[in-house]
Each structure stands twice: as C-alpha cells, then as structure tokens.
Amino acid sequence: MKTVDASIHIRAPIDRVFHLMTDTEKCPSWLRGTRKAKLLKEGSDARYGVGAVKSIRLSGITFVEEIVKYDPPNSFEYKI
C-alpha cells in the first residue's frame, strides 16, 4: 500500500478550511477537474467522519474513499 502525505499553508481560519476540505459537496469548488462528488454513506459520529464513504469523479476516473481518521479541525485520513 502506498501512502501520500500533503500539506499546504492557507491563510484562513482552520475551522473553515477543515470544513471545506471534508464537505463532499464542496469538493468541486477546490479540487480541479472534479465532475461530481457525492456522499454515499455518513460517518458514525459525524456526517463526514470515520466510516463516511464518498464517491469522487474526476476527469476520466471515479474513485471511492472511506474516511478512516477524523480529528476536526486538525486532520483527516482516507483510503481509496
């Protein structure tokens, strides 16, 4: 299994950025090439939390991600 870590500095309140990055419906507003983003299953403790399953369609590819770690507003992890 491969792991990818990424980080970027954004000049905005951490709560706002975290919400934008984890809200499936907002994905097309920041992820270039997104054609469709849909929440398939809500998480156990929070809508986009652990156990949530999302479908993301980019140009030419669709992938499903499952949230495996959710620590608002600091971090989240998912597997594809």
PDB file of N, CA and C in Angstrom:
ATOM      1  N   MET A   1       0.846  -1.180   0.000  1.00  0.00           N
ATOM      2  CA  MET A   1       0.000   0.000   0.000  1.00  0.00           C
ATOM      3  C   MET A   1       0.884   1.232   0.000  1.00  0.00           C
ATOM      4  N   LYS A   2       0.534   2.199  -0.798  1.00  0.00           N
ATOM      5  CA  LYS A   2       1.285   3.453  -0.856  1.00  0.00           C
ATOM      6  C   LYS A   2       0.589   4.495   0.005  1.00  0.00           C
ATOM      7  N   THR A   3       1.378   5.373   0.579  1.00  0.00           N
ATOM      8  CA  THR A   3       0.864   6.458   1.403  1.00  0.00           C
ATOM      9  C   THR A   3       1.318   7.774   0.808  1.00  0.00           C
ATOM     10  N   VAL A   4       0.406   8.734   0.784  1.00  0.00           N
ATOM     11  CA  VAL A   4       0.728  10.067   0.289  1.00  0.00           C
ATOM     12  C   VAL A   4       0.394  11.061   1.389  1.00  0.00           C
ATOM     13  N   ASP A   5       1.336  11.898   1.735  1.00  0.00           N
ATOM     14  CA  ASP A   5       1.119  12.974   2.700  1.00  0.00           C
ATOM     15  C   ASP A   5       1.248  14.293   1.956  1.00  0.00           C
ATOM     16  N   ALA A   6       0.352  15.213   2.266  1.00  0.00           N
ATOM     17  CA  ALA A   6       0.410  16.521   1.613  1.00  0.00           C
ATOM     18  C   ALA A   6       0.069  17.598   2.623  1.00  0.00           C
ATOM     19  N   SER A   7       0.670  18.757   2.450  1.00  0.00           N
ATOM     20  CA  SER A   7       0.335  19.889   3.315  1.00  0.00           C
ATOM     21  C   SER A   7       0.496  21.173   2.517  1.00  0.00           C
ATOM     22  N   ILE A   8      -0.228  22.190   2.956  1.00  0.00           N
ATOM     23  CA  ILE A   8      -0.183  23.499   2.318  1.00  0.00           C
ATOM     24  C   ILE A   8      -0.564  24.532   3.370  1.00  0.00           C
ATOM     25  N   HIS A   9      -0.009  25.706   3.274  1.00  0.00           N
ATOM     26  CA  HIS A   9      -0.363  26.786   4.193  1.00  0.00           C
ATOM     27  C   HIS A   9      -1.455  27.634   3.540  1.00  0.00           C
ATOM     28  N   ILE A  10      -2.573  27.782   4.235  1.00  0.00           N
ATOM     29  CA  ILE A  10      -3.713  28.559   3.726  1.00  0.00           C
ATOM     30  C   ILE A  10      -4.020  29.654   4.734  1.00  0.00           C
ATOM     31  N   ARG A  11      -4.124  30.868   4.269  1.00  0.00           N
ATOM     32  CA  ARG A  11      -4.423  31.997   5.145  1.00  0.00           C
ATOM     33  C   ARG A  11      -5.933  32.126   5.347  1.00  0.00           C
ATOM     34  N   ALA A  12      -6.453  31.274   6.221  1.00  0.00           N
ATOM     35  CA  ALA A  12      -7.879  31.282   6.561  1.00  0.00           C
ATOM     36  C   ALA A  12      -8.033  30.548   7.889  1.00  0.00           C
ATOM     37  N   PRO A  13      -9.124  30.777   8.600  1.00  0.00           N
ATOM     38  CA  PRO A  13      -9.341  30.075   9.868  1.00  0.00           C
ATOM     39  C   PRO A  13      -9.371  28.557   9.664  1.00  0.00           C
ATOM     40  N   ILE A  14      -8.708  27.838  10.549  1.00  0.00           N
ATOM     41  CA  ILE A  14      -8.574  26.386  10.424  1.00  0.00           C
ATOM     42  C   ILE A  14      -9.934  25.686  10.352  1.00  0.00           C
ATOM     43  N   ASP A  15     -10.921  26.149  11.127  1.00  0.00           N
ATOM     44  CA  ASP A  15     -12.245  25.520  11.094  1.00  0.00           C
ATOM     45  C   ASP A  15     -12.871  25.626   9.704  1.00  0.00           C
ATOM     46  N   ARG A  16     -12.734  26.771   9.077  1.00  0.00           N
ATOM     47  CA  ARG A  16     -13.321  26.986   7.747  1.00  0.00           C
ATOM     48  C   ARG A  16     -12.644  26.097   6.699  1.00  0.00           C
ATOM     49  N   VAL A  17     -11.332  26.019   6.766  1.00  0.00           N
ATOM     50  CA  VAL A  17     -10.588  25.192   5.819  1.00  0.00           C
ATOM     51  C   VAL A  17     -10.931  23.716   6.022  1.00  0.00           C
ATOM     52  N   PHE A  18     -10.962  23.267   7.267  1.00  0.00           N
ATOM     53  CA  PHE A  18     -11.275  21.865   7.545  1.00  0.00           C
ATOM     54  C   PHE A  18     -12.656  21.509   7.006  1.00  0.00           C
ATOM     55  N   HIS A  19     -13.639  22.368   7.247  1.00  0.00           N
ATOM     56  CA  HIS A  19     -14.993  22.110   6.765  1.00  0.00           C
ATOM     57  C   HIS A  19     -15.022  22.033   5.235  1.00  0.00           C
ATOM     58  N   LEU A  20     -14.326  22.925   4.574  1.00  0.00           N
ATOM     59  CA  LEU A  20     -14.285  22.931   3.117  1.00  0.00           C
ATOM     60  C   LEU A  20     -13.642  21.640   2.585  1.00  0.00           C
ATOM     61  N   MET A  21     -12.564  21.206   3.202  1.00  0.00           N
ATOM     62  CA  MET A  21     -11.838  20.024   2.734  1.00  0.00           C
ATOM     63  C   MET A  21     -12.582  18.715   2.992  1.00  0.00           C
ATOM     64  N   THR A  22     -13.441  18.679   4.001  1.00  0.00           N
ATOM     65  CA  THR A  22     -14.129  17.434   4.339  1.00  0.00           C
ATOM     66  C   THR A  22     -15.558  17.356   3.817  1.00  0.00           C
ATOM     67  N   ASP A  23     -16.135  18.467   3.415  1.00  0.00           N
ATOM     68  CA  ASP A  23     -17.511  18.502   2.910  1.00  0.00           C
ATOM     69  C   ASP A  23     -17.529  18.053   1.448  1.00  0.00           C
ATOM     70  N   THR A  24     -18.070  16.878   1.198  1.00  0.00           N
ATOM     71  CA  THR A  24     -18.066  16.293  -0.142  1.00  0.00           C
ATOM     72  C   THR A  24     -18.677  17.214  -1.188  1.00  0.00           C
ATOM     73  N   GLU A  25     -19.798  17.830  -0.868  1.00  0.00           N
ATOM     74  CA  GLU A  25     -20.476  18.673  -1.844  1.00  0.00           C
ATOM     75  C   GLU A  25     -19.653  19.898  -2.246  1.00  0.00           C
ATOM     76  N   LYS A  26     -18.708  20.311  -1.426  1.00  0.00           N
ATOM     77  CA  LYS A  26     -17.866  21.469  -1.727  1.00  0.00           C
ATOM     78  C   LYS A  26     -16.612  21.090  -2.530  1.00  0.00           C
ATOM     79  N   CYS A  27     -16.368  19.824  -2.696  1.00  0.00           N
ATOM     80  CA  CYS A  27     -15.169  19.342  -3.381  1.00  0.00           C
ATOM     81  C   CYS A  27     -14.956  19.982  -4.759  1.00  0.00           C
ATOM     82  N   PRO A  28     -15.983  20.103  -5.592  1.00  0.00           N
ATOM     83  CA  PRO A  28     -15.752  20.718  -6.909  1.00  0.00           C
ATOM     84  C   PRO A  28     -15.270  22.169  -6.850  1.00  0.00           C
ATOM     85  N   SER A  29     -15.485  22.848  -5.728  1.00  0.00           N
ATOM     86  CA  SER A  29     -15.061  24.247  -5.631  1.00  0.00           C
ATOM     87  C   SER A  29     -13.559  24.404  -5.400  1.00  0.00           C
ATOM     88  N   TRP A  30     -12.874  23.337  -4.978  1.00  0.00           N
ATOM     89  CA  TRP A  30     -11.440  23.472  -4.716  1.00  0.00           C
ATOM     90  C   TRP A  30     -10.576  22.398  -5.383  1.00  0.00           C
ATOM     91  N   LEU A  31     -11.179  21.275  -5.778  1.00  0.00           N
ATOM     92  CA  LEU A  31     -10.401  20.208  -6.414  1.00  0.00           C
ATOM     93  C   LEU A  31     -10.597  20.271  -7.924  1.00  0.00           C
ATOM     94  N   ARG A  32      -9.598  20.790  -8.602  1.00  0.00           N
ATOM     95  CA  ARG A  32      -9.667  20.989 -10.051  1.00  0.00           C
ATOM     96  C   ARG A  32      -9.960  19.671 -10.775  1.00  0.00           C
ATOM     97  N   GLY A  33     -10.861  19.724 -11.721  1.00  0.00           N
ATOM     98  CA  GLY A  33     -11.192  18.549 -12.510  1.00  0.00           C
ATOM     99  C   GLY A  33     -12.324  17.715 -11.953  1.00  0.00           C
ATOM    100  N   THR A  34     -12.855  18.088 -10.786  1.00  0.00           N
ATOM    101  CA  THR A  34     -13.946  17.318 -10.197  1.00  0.00           C
ATOM    102  C   THR A  34     -15.207  17.498 -11.030  1.00  0.00           C
ATOM    103  N   ARG A  35     -15.770  16.387 -11.467  1.00  0.00           N
ATOM    104  CA  ARG A  35     -17.012  16.414 -12.242  1.00  0.00           C
ATOM    105  C   ARG A  35     -18.222  16.183 -11.343  1.00  0.00           C
ATOM    106  N   LYS A  36     -18.044  15.329 -10.334  1.00  0.00           N
ATOM    107  CA  LYS A  36     -19.145  15.007  -9.431  1.00  0.00           C
ATOM    108  C   LYS A  36     -18.567  14.493  -8.114  1.00  0.00           C
ATOM    109  N   ALA A  37     -19.180  14.880  -7.021  1.00  0.00           N
ATOM    110  CA  ALA A  37     -18.772  14.407  -5.699  1.00  0.00           C
ATOM    111  C   ALA A  37     -20.036  14.104  -4.912  1.00  0.00           C
ATOM    112  N   LYS A  38     -20.086  12.925  -4.319  1.00  0.00           N
ATOM    113  CA  LYS A  38     -21.310  12.505  -3.647  1.00  0.00           C
ATOM    114  C   LYS A  38     -20.977  11.734  -2.372  1.00  0.00           C
ATOM    115  N   LEU A  39     -21.694  12.038  -1.306  1.00  0.00           N
ATOM    116  CA  LEU A  39     -21.567  11.287  -0.060  1.00  0.00           C
ATOM    117  C   LEU A  39     -22.434  10.040  -0.192  1.00  0.00           C
ATOM    118  N   LEU A  40     -21.816   8.859  -0.122  1.00  0.00           N
ATOM    119  CA  LEU A  40     -22.546   7.608  -0.266  1.00  0.00           C
ATOM    120  C   LEU A  40     -23.037   7.082   1.071  1.00  0.00           C
ATOM    121  N   LYS A  41     -22.284   7.377   2.135  1.00  0.00           N
ATOM    122  CA  LYS A  41     -22.629   6.891   3.474  1.00  0.00           C
ATOM    123  C   LYS A  41     -22.093   7.878   4.496  1.00  0.00           C
ATOM    124  N   GLU A  42     -22.917   8.261   5.453  1.00  0.00           N
ATOM    125  CA  GLU A  42     -22.472   9.169   6.517  1.00  0.00           C
ATOM    126  C   GLU A  42     -21.585   8.425   7.507  1.00  0.00           C
ATOM    127  N   GLY A  43     -20.714   9.189   8.170  1.00  0.00           N
ATOM    128  CA  GLY A  43     -19.845   8.623   9.186  1.00  0.00           C
ATOM    129  C   GLY A  43     -20.605   8.255  10.441  1.00  0.00           C
ATOM    130  N   SER A  44     -19.958   7.537  11.348  1.00  0.00           N
ATOM    131  CA  SER A  44     -20.623   7.058  12.554  1.00  0.00           C
ATOM    132  C   SER A  44     -20.879   8.158  13.582  1.00  0.00           C
ATOM    133  N   ASP A  45     -19.942   9.084  13.752  1.00  0.00           N
ATOM    134  CA  ASP A  45     -20.101  10.146  14.755  1.00  0.00           C
ATOM    135  C   ASP A  45     -20.340  11.521  14.150  1.00  0.00           C
ATOM    136  N   ALA A  46     -19.977  11.685  12.899  1.00  0.00           N
ATOM    137  CA  ALA A  46     -20.152  12.958  12.200  1.00  0.00           C
ATOM    138  C   ALA A  46     -20.443  12.643  10.741  1.00  0.00           C
ATOM    139  N   ARG A  47     -21.177  13.515  10.085  1.00  0.00           N
ATOM    140  CA  ARG A  47     -21.577  13.272   8.693  1.00  0.00           C
ATOM    141  C   ARG A  47     -20.393  12.869   7.814  1.00  0.00           C
ATOM    142  N   TYR A  48     -19.286  13.616   7.916  1.00  0.00           N
ATOM    143  CA  TYR A  48     -18.104  13.325   7.093  1.00  0.00           C
ATOM    144  C   TYR A  48     -16.999  12.670   7.920  1.00  0.00           C
ATOM    145  N   GLY A  49     -17.354  12.089   9.063  1.00  0.00           N
ATOM    146  CA  GLY A  49     -16.384  11.497   9.972  1.00  0.00           C
ATOM    147  C   GLY A  49     -16.025  10.058   9.623  1.00  0.00           C
ATOM    148  N   VAL A  50     -15.414   9.367  10.583  1.00  0.00           N
ATOM    149  CA  VAL A  50     -14.960   7.987  10.389  1.00  0.00           C
ATOM    150  C   VAL A  50     -16.120   7.118   9.907  1.00  0.00           C
ATOM    151  N   GLY A  51     -15.844   6.370   8.861  1.00  0.00           N
ATOM    152  CA  GLY A  51     -16.850   5.490   8.273  1.00  0.00           C
ATOM    153  C   GLY A  51     -17.588   6.108   7.101  1.00  0.00           C
ATOM    154  N   ALA A  52     -17.465   7.424   6.924  1.00  0.00           N
ATOM    155  CA  ALA A  52     -18.116   8.063   5.778  1.00  0.00           C
ATOM    156  C   ALA A  52     -17.494   7.530   4.489  1.00  0.00           C
ATOM    157  N   VAL A  53     -18.326   7.375   3.475  1.00  0.00           N
ATOM    158  CA  VAL A  53     -17.858   6.891   2.184  1.00  0.00           C
ATOM    159  C   VAL A  53     -18.283   7.913   1.137  1.00  0.00           C
ATOM    160  N   LYS A  54     -17.326   8.326   0.309  1.00  0.00           N
ATOM    161  CA  LYS A  54     -17.558   9.360  -0.705  1.00  0.00           C
ATOM    162  C   LYS A  54     -17.174   8.838  -2.078  1.00  0.00           C
ATOM    163  N   SER A  55     -17.885   9.291  -3.092  1.00  0.00           N
ATOM    164  CA  SER A  55     -17.546   8.996  -4.473  1.00  0.00           C
ATOM    165  C   SER A  55     -17.119  10.309  -5.120  1.00  0.00           C
ATOM    166  N   ILE A  56     -15.942  10.308  -5.725  1.00  0.00           N
ATOM    167  CA  ILE A  56     -15.400  11.499  -6.369  1.00  0.00           C
ATOM    168  C   ILE A  56     -15.127  11.146  -7.830  1.00  0.00           C
ATOM    169  N   ARG A  57     -15.728  11.907  -8.731  1.00  0.00           N
ATOM    170  CA  ARG A  57     -15.475  11.698 -10.171  1.00  0.00           C
ATOM    171  C   ARG A  57     -14.647  12.863 -10.689  1.00  0.00           C
ATOM    172  N   LEU A  58     -13.457  12.523 -11.161  1.00  0.00           N
ATOM    173  CA  LEU A  58     -12.572  13.491 -11.784  1.00  0.00           C
ATOM    174  C   LEU A  58     -12.627  13.272 -13.288  1.00  0.00           C
ATOM    175  N   SER A  59     -11.903  14.029 -14.028  1.00  0.00           N
ATOM    176  CA  SER A  59     -11.835  13.841 -15.477  1.00  0.00           C
ATOM    177  C   SER A  59     -11.308  12.441 -15.778  1.00  0.00           C
ATOM    178  N   GLY A  60     -12.166  11.558 -16.246  1.00  0.00           N
ATOM    179  CA  GLY A  60     -11.721  10.236 -16.667  1.00  0.00           C
ATOM    180  C   GLY A  60     -11.598   9.176 -15.596  1.00  0.00           C
ATOM    181  N   ILE A  61     -11.828   9.481 -14.330  1.00  0.00           N
ATOM    182  CA  ILE A  61     -11.699   8.478 -13.277  1.00  0.00           C
ATOM    183  C   ILE A  61     -12.678   8.769 -12.142  1.00  0.00           C
ATOM    184  N   THR A  62     -13.223   7.699 -11.589  1.00  0.00           N
ATOM    185  CA  THR A  62     -14.071   7.810 -10.400  1.00  0.00           C
ATOM    186  C   THR A  62     -13.435   6.960  -9.310  1.00  0.00           C
ATOM    187  N   PHE A  63     -13.333   7.498  -8.123  1.00  0.00           N
ATOM    188  CA  PHE A  63     -12.812   6.699  -7.023  1.00  0.00           C
ATOM    189  C   PHE A  63     -13.711   6.868  -5.808  1.00  0.00           C
ATOM    190  N   VAL A  64     -13.659   5.858  -4.950  1.00  0.00           N
ATOM    191  CA  VAL A  64     -14.438   5.860  -3.718  1.00  0.00           C
ATOM    192  C   VAL A  64     -13.454   5.928  -2.569  1.00  0.00           C
ATOM    193  N   GLU A  65     -13.700   6.847  -1.645  1.00  0.00           N
ATOM    194  CA  GLU A  65     -12.829   6.973  -0.488  1.00  0.00           C
ATOM    195  C   GLU A  65     -13.622   6.764   0.788  1.00  0.00           C
ATOM    196  N   GLU A  66     -12.973   6.129   1.762  1.00  0.00           N
ATOM    197  CA  GLU A  66     -13.579   5.915   3.075  1.00  0.00           C
ATOM    198  C   GLU A  66     -12.748   6.654   4.111  1.00  0.00           C
ATOM    199  N   ILE A  67     -13.410   7.448   4.935  1.00  0.00           N
ATOM    200  CA  ILE A  67     -12.711   8.192   5.983  1.00  0.00           C
ATOM    201  C   ILE A  67     -12.330   7.216   7.099  1.00  0.00           C
ATOM    202  N   VAL A  68     -11.040   7.181   7.439  1.00  0.00           N
ATOM    203  CA  VAL A  68     -10.541   6.267   8.467  1.00  0.00           C
ATOM    204  C   VAL A  68     -10.045   7.003   9.711  1.00  0.00           C
ATOM    205  N   LYS A  69      -9.829   8.315   9.590  1.00  0.00           N
ATOM    206  CA  LYS A  69      -9.446   9.130  10.746  1.00  0.00           C
ATOM    207  C   LYS A  69     -10.084  10.496  10.560  1.00  0.00           C
ATOM    208  N   TYR A  70     -10.646  11.022  11.652  1.00  0.00           N
ATOM    209  CA  TYR A  70     -11.342  12.305  11.586  1.00  0.00           C
ATOM    210  C   TYR A  70     -11.094  13.029  12.897  1.00  0.00           C
ATOM    211  N   ASP A  71     -10.264  14.067  12.849  1.00  0.00           N
ATOM    212  CA  ASP A  71      -9.866  14.807  14.044  1.00  0.00           C
ATOM    213  C   ASP A  71     -10.039  16.303  13.790  1.00  0.00           C
ATOM    214  N   PRO A  72     -11.311  16.768  13.777  1.00  0.00           N
ATOM    215  CA  PRO A  72     -11.547  18.185  13.469  1.00  0.00           C
ATOM    216  C   PRO A  72     -10.990  19.110  14.544  1.00  0.00           C
ATOM    217  N   PRO A  73     -10.459  20.234  14.188  1.00  0.00           N
ATOM    218  CA  PRO A  73     -10.231  20.736  12.839  1.00  0.00           C
ATOM    219  C   PRO A  73      -8.806  20.484  12.360  1.00  0.00           C
ATOM    220  N   ASN A  74      -8.146  19.471  12.896  1.00  0.00           N
ATOM    221  CA  ASN A  74      -6.719  19.271  12.624  1.00  0.00           C
ATOM    222  C   ASN A  74      -6.379  18.377  11.446  1.00  0.00           C
ATOM    223  N   SER A  75      -7.030  17.243  11.331  1.00  0.00           N
ATOM    224  CA  SER A  75      -6.643  16.310  10.267  1.00  0.00           C
ATOM    225  C   SER A  75      -7.747  15.296   9.970  1.00  0.00           C
ATOM    226  N   PHE A  76      -7.626  14.703   8.808  1.00  0.00           N
ATOM    227  CA  PHE A  76      -8.457  13.574   8.449  1.00  0.00           C
ATOM    228  C   PHE A  76      -7.661  12.692   7.502  1.00  0.00           C
ATOM    229  N   GLU A  77      -8.005  11.415   7.471  1.00  0.00           N
ATOM    230  CA  GLU A  77      -7.329  10.468   6.595  1.00  0.00           C
ATOM    231  C   GLU A  77      -8.382   9.619   5.910  1.00  0.00           C
ATOM    232  N   TYR A  78      -8.062   9.177   4.704  1.00  0.00           N
ATOM    233  CA  TYR A  78      -8.985   8.312   3.995  1.00  0.00           C
ATOM    234  C   TYR A  78      -8.216   7.267   3.205  1.00  0.00           C
ATOM    235  N   LYS A  79      -8.922   6.193   2.856  1.00  0.00           N
ATOM    236  CA  LYS A  79      -8.319   5.185   1.995  1.00  0.00           C
ATOM    237  C   LYS A  79      -9.157   5.088   0.728  1.00  0.00           C
ATOM    238  N   ILE A  80      -8.484   4.760  -0.352  1.00  0.00           N
ATOM    239  CA  ILE A  80      -9.134   4.651  -1.660  1.00  0.00           C
ATOM    240  C   ILE A  80      -9.116   3.184  -2.064  1.00  0.00           C
TER     241      ILE A  80
END
